[in-house]
C-alpha cells in the first residue's frame, strides 16, 4: 500500500483545528512517522511531490499507511491513508 497524499491533503483540510498531523506506518509508528503539517507553520512537506517519501518510504507491503491527527491535551486520532 502506498501513501495517498491527496487523501492526506483532505485530512489536513478537514482538521485545521488540530495541533499537528503526521503520516506513518501503523504497525511501526516509532520509526516511520514524520510530521507533515502543524498549526503554527502549516505544510512542512510538499504533498504534490511525486517522489515524496515519509521517513524514507512511500509505502509498505505489510504495514498500513495512516495519518495521525494530534489535538490539544495529547488526544490522537488515526485514519488510514493509502491507495
N, C-alpha and C. Protein backbone atom coordinates (compact mmCIF):
# COMPACT_ATOMS: atom_id res chain seq x y z
N UNK A 1 0.84 -1.18 0.00
CA UNK A 1 0.00 0.00 0.00
C UNK A 1 0.89 1.25 0.00
N UNK A 2 0.50 2.20 -0.79
CA UNK A 2 1.23 3.46 -0.91
C UNK A 2 0.44 4.56 -0.19
N UNK A 3 1.19 5.55 0.34
CA UNK A 3 0.51 6.71 0.90
C UNK A 3 -0.37 7.36 -0.15
N UNK A 4 -1.52 7.84 0.27
CA UNK A 4 -2.41 8.61 -0.60
C UNK A 4 -2.28 10.07 -0.17
N UNK A 5 -1.41 10.80 -0.86
CA UNK A 5 -1.13 12.18 -0.48
C UNK A 5 -2.31 13.10 -0.74
N UNK A 6 -3.16 12.78 -1.70
CA UNK A 6 -4.37 13.57 -1.91
C UNK A 6 -5.32 13.41 -0.72
N UNK A 7 -5.44 12.19 -0.22
CA UNK A 7 -6.26 11.97 0.97
C UNK A 7 -5.64 12.69 2.16
N UNK A 8 -4.32 12.69 2.27
CA UNK A 8 -3.65 13.41 3.37
C UNK A 8 -3.99 14.89 3.32
N UNK A 9 -4.02 15.49 2.13
CA UNK A 9 -4.38 16.91 2.00
C UNK A 9 -5.82 17.14 2.46
N UNK A 10 -6.71 16.22 2.13
CA UNK A 10 -8.11 16.33 2.54
C UNK A 10 -8.23 16.21 4.07
N UNK A 11 -7.48 15.29 4.65
CA UNK A 11 -7.48 15.13 6.11
C UNK A 11 -7.01 16.41 6.78
N UNK A 12 -5.97 17.02 6.24
CA UNK A 12 -5.48 18.28 6.80
C UNK A 12 -6.55 19.36 6.67
N UNK A 13 -7.14 19.48 5.52
CA UNK A 13 -8.17 20.49 5.29
C UNK A 13 -9.34 20.30 6.27
N UNK A 14 -9.70 19.06 6.54
CA UNK A 14 -10.83 18.76 7.42
C UNK A 14 -10.48 18.89 8.91
N UNK A 15 -9.19 19.05 9.21
CA UNK A 15 -8.76 19.06 10.61
C UNK A 15 -7.84 20.24 10.93
N UNK A 16 -8.16 21.40 10.42
CA UNK A 16 -7.34 22.59 10.64
C UNK A 16 -7.29 23.00 12.11
N UNK A 17 -8.16 22.45 12.95
CA UNK A 17 -8.12 22.77 14.37
C UNK A 17 -7.13 21.89 15.13
N UNK A 18 -6.51 20.92 14.46
CA UNK A 18 -5.52 20.04 15.09
C UNK A 18 -4.25 20.82 15.40
N UNK A 19 -3.47 20.30 16.32
CA UNK A 19 -2.16 20.88 16.62
C UNK A 19 -1.15 20.48 15.56
N UNK A 20 -1.17 19.19 15.17
CA UNK A 20 -0.29 18.72 14.10
C UNK A 20 -0.84 17.44 13.51
N UNK A 21 -0.39 17.15 12.29
CA UNK A 21 -0.79 15.93 11.58
C UNK A 21 0.47 15.29 11.02
N UNK A 22 0.57 13.98 11.23
CA UNK A 22 1.73 13.21 10.79
C UNK A 22 1.27 12.08 9.88
N UNK A 23 2.22 11.53 9.14
CA UNK A 23 2.00 10.30 8.39
C UNK A 23 2.97 9.27 8.91
N UNK A 24 2.55 8.01 8.92
CA UNK A 24 3.42 6.93 9.35
C UNK A 24 2.78 5.59 9.07
N UNK A 25 3.50 4.53 9.38
CA UNK A 25 3.00 3.17 9.22
C UNK A 25 2.47 2.69 10.57
N UNK A 26 1.21 2.33 10.61
CA UNK A 26 0.54 2.00 11.86
C UNK A 26 1.30 0.96 12.69
N UNK A 27 1.80 -0.05 12.05
CA UNK A 27 2.45 -1.14 12.78
C UNK A 27 3.89 -0.79 13.21
N UNK A 28 4.38 0.38 12.85
CA UNK A 28 5.75 0.77 13.20
C UNK A 28 5.87 2.29 13.31
N UNK A 29 4.97 2.90 14.07
CA UNK A 29 4.91 4.36 14.14
C UNK A 29 6.20 4.98 14.66
N UNK A 30 6.87 4.32 15.57
CA UNK A 30 8.07 4.89 16.17
C UNK A 30 9.18 5.17 15.18
N UNK A 31 9.26 4.37 14.13
CA UNK A 31 10.35 4.51 13.16
C UNK A 31 9.91 5.16 11.85
N UNK A 32 8.61 5.27 11.61
CA UNK A 32 8.17 5.66 10.27
C UNK A 32 7.36 6.95 10.22
N UNK A 33 7.23 7.65 11.33
CA UNK A 33 6.33 8.80 11.38
C UNK A 33 7.07 10.12 11.22
N UNK A 34 6.52 10.99 10.37
CA UNK A 34 7.00 12.36 10.20
C UNK A 34 5.82 13.31 10.28
N UNK A 35 6.02 14.45 10.93
CA UNK A 35 5.01 15.50 10.95
C UNK A 35 4.98 16.14 9.57
N UNK A 36 3.80 16.24 8.98
CA UNK A 36 3.67 16.84 7.64
C UNK A 36 2.99 18.20 7.67
N UNK A 37 2.30 18.51 8.78
CA UNK A 37 1.58 19.78 8.91
C UNK A 37 1.48 20.11 10.39
N UNK A 38 1.62 21.39 10.72
CA UNK A 38 1.30 21.81 12.08
C UNK A 38 0.60 23.16 12.05
N UNK A 39 -0.09 23.43 13.14
CA UNK A 39 -0.93 24.63 13.22
C UNK A 39 -0.12 25.91 13.07
N UNK A 40 1.09 25.92 13.58
CA UNK A 40 1.92 27.14 13.57
C UNK A 40 2.51 27.43 12.19
N UNK A 41 3.05 26.39 11.53
CA UNK A 41 3.79 26.59 10.27
C UNK A 41 3.04 26.16 9.02
N UNK A 42 1.97 25.41 9.17
CA UNK A 42 1.25 24.90 8.01
C UNK A 42 1.94 23.66 7.45
N UNK A 43 1.96 23.53 6.13
CA UNK A 43 2.56 22.36 5.49
C UNK A 43 4.08 22.35 5.69
N UNK A 44 4.61 21.23 6.11
CA UNK A 44 6.05 21.06 6.31
C UNK A 44 6.68 20.27 5.18
N UNK A 45 5.86 19.62 4.37
CA UNK A 45 6.32 18.88 3.19
C UNK A 45 5.41 19.22 2.02
N UNK A 46 5.92 19.02 0.83
CA UNK A 46 5.13 19.25 -0.38
C UNK A 46 4.43 17.94 -0.77
N UNK A 47 3.15 17.85 -0.45
CA UNK A 47 2.40 16.62 -0.74
C UNK A 47 2.14 16.44 -2.23
N UNK A 48 2.48 17.42 -3.06
CA UNK A 48 2.34 17.28 -4.51
C UNK A 48 3.61 16.73 -5.16
N UNK A 49 4.66 16.53 -4.38
CA UNK A 49 5.93 15.99 -4.89
C UNK A 49 5.73 14.51 -5.23
N UNK A 50 5.86 14.12 -6.50
CA UNK A 50 5.63 12.72 -6.88
C UNK A 50 6.67 11.75 -6.30
N UNK A 51 7.80 12.27 -5.82
CA UNK A 51 8.85 11.43 -5.24
C UNK A 51 8.89 11.51 -3.72
N UNK A 52 7.84 12.04 -3.10
CA UNK A 52 7.82 12.22 -1.66
C UNK A 52 7.89 10.89 -0.92
N UNK A 53 8.74 10.86 0.08
CA UNK A 53 8.83 9.73 0.99
C UNK A 53 8.68 10.26 2.41
N UNK A 54 8.03 9.50 3.25
CA UNK A 54 7.87 9.82 4.66
C UNK A 54 8.81 8.89 5.43
N UNK A 55 9.75 9.45 6.14
CA UNK A 55 10.78 8.66 6.84
C UNK A 55 11.47 7.67 5.91
N UNK A 56 11.68 8.10 4.67
CA UNK A 56 12.43 7.30 3.71
C UNK A 56 11.64 6.27 2.94
N UNK A 57 10.31 6.22 3.12
CA UNK A 57 9.50 5.25 2.37
C UNK A 57 8.22 5.92 1.85
N UNK A 58 7.65 5.34 0.81
CA UNK A 58 6.39 5.88 0.29
C UNK A 58 5.24 4.88 0.42
N UNK A 59 5.53 3.73 1.01
CA UNK A 59 4.50 2.72 1.20
C UNK A 59 5.10 1.49 1.85
N UNK A 60 4.28 0.44 1.94
CA UNK A 60 4.73 -0.80 2.57
C UNK A 60 3.95 -1.98 2.03
N UNK A 61 4.60 -3.13 2.01
CA UNK A 61 3.92 -4.37 1.62
C UNK A 61 3.20 -5.01 2.81
N UNK A 62 3.54 -4.59 4.03
CA UNK A 62 2.96 -5.25 5.20
C UNK A 62 2.36 -4.30 6.23
N UNK A 63 2.74 -3.03 6.21
CA UNK A 63 2.22 -2.07 7.20
C UNK A 63 1.19 -1.14 6.57
N UNK A 64 0.37 -0.54 7.41
CA UNK A 64 -0.73 0.30 6.96
C UNK A 64 -0.38 1.78 7.06
N UNK A 65 -0.34 2.50 5.92
CA UNK A 65 -0.10 3.94 5.96
C UNK A 65 -1.28 4.66 6.63
N UNK A 66 -0.96 5.52 7.59
CA UNK A 66 -2.00 6.24 8.32
C UNK A 66 -1.62 7.70 8.51
N UNK A 67 -2.65 8.51 8.76
CA UNK A 67 -2.47 9.89 9.20
C UNK A 67 -2.79 9.92 10.68
N UNK A 68 -1.96 10.62 11.45
CA UNK A 68 -2.16 10.75 12.88
C UNK A 68 -2.48 12.21 13.17
N UNK A 69 -3.69 12.45 13.61
CA UNK A 69 -4.15 13.80 13.92
C UNK A 69 -3.99 14.00 15.42
N UNK A 70 -3.22 15.00 15.79
CA UNK A 70 -2.98 15.26 17.21
C UNK A 70 -3.64 16.58 17.61
N UNK A 71 -4.51 16.47 18.59
CA UNK A 71 -5.21 17.65 19.09
C UNK A 71 -4.60 18.11 20.39
N UNK A 72 -5.28 19.02 21.03
CA UNK A 72 -4.83 19.52 22.33
C UNK A 72 -4.93 18.41 23.36
N UNK A 73 -4.17 18.54 24.40
CA UNK A 73 -4.17 17.62 25.54
C UNK A 73 -3.75 16.21 25.15
N UNK A 74 -2.99 16.07 24.06
CA UNK A 74 -2.45 14.77 23.68
C UNK A 74 -3.42 13.82 23.02
N UNK A 75 -4.62 14.27 22.72
CA UNK A 75 -5.58 13.39 22.06
C UNK A 75 -5.15 13.13 20.63
N UNK A 76 -5.26 11.86 20.19
CA UNK A 76 -4.86 11.47 18.85
C UNK A 76 -5.98 10.71 18.15
N UNK A 77 -6.05 10.90 16.85
CA UNK A 77 -6.98 10.16 16.02
C UNK A 77 -6.18 9.62 14.84
N UNK A 78 -6.37 8.36 14.52
CA UNK A 78 -5.64 7.72 13.43
C UNK A 78 -6.61 7.36 12.31
N UNK A 79 -6.25 7.75 11.08
CA UNK A 79 -7.06 7.48 9.89
C UNK A 79 -6.20 6.80 8.85
N UNK A 80 -6.69 5.70 8.29
CA UNK A 80 -5.96 5.04 7.21
C UNK A 80 -5.80 6.01 6.05
N UNK A 81 -4.62 6.01 5.43
CA UNK A 81 -4.31 7.00 4.39
C UNK A 81 -3.47 6.36 3.29
N UNK A 82 -4.08 5.46 2.53
CA UNK A 82 -3.37 4.77 1.47
C UNK A 82 -4.25 4.56 0.26
N UNK A 83 -3.59 4.20 -0.84
CA UNK A 83 -4.32 3.85 -2.05
C UNK A 83 -3.89 2.47 -2.51
